[in-house]
Amino acid sequence: MLQALLGFIIVGSFPCVAILWTWTVIVALRLFSIRLPFSFPIHINPRRQRELDDVLKGKSLGTYVLVSGFLLFSCPLWAGLTAYNLLCDRYIWPSTYSVGRFTGTILTFAVAGVWFGVRDWKRSAKRESGITI
C-alpha cells in the first residue's frame, strides 16, 4: 500500500511541477505586460494556442520563441521530468543522474523549445495574414 502511494506521488510530481512552473512564468510575464490567464496550463491545444496567439500578437520572433517555446514549453517539461527522475533515483532505483546527463537534458530541451517556438510563431504569422492552415 505504501509503495503504491509512493509511486503515485512520484508520477504525480511531473504534472504538478510543470503546472507550478507555468503559473510562476505567467506571474513573471505579467510584469512585462504579457497577460496570460492563470487557467492557461490546464487548457489543451486549440484554446491554449489561441490564448497564446492573442497575447503575443505583434511580438517579435525572439519574444515568441522565448515565451512560447522556451518558458512555456520546454522549461515546464524539463522541470517536471527532472523532478520525476530525481524522485525515482531517490526512492525507487539507485541514482544514475550525473552532471553530463543533467546538462544533456537541458541542451535537448532548449533546442526543442526553440524549434517549437519558431513553429508556433510561423503558425501565428499565417493566422494573422489570413492564410488557413
Foldseek 3Di string as FASTA:
>chain_A
DVVVVLVVVLVVQLLVQLLVLQLVVQVVVVVVVQHQDNCLVVDDDPVNLVSLLVSCPPPDLVVQLCVVQPRNPLVSNLRSVVSSLVSCCVPPHPDPDDPVVNVVSVVVSSVRSNVVSNVSVVVSVCVVVPHDD
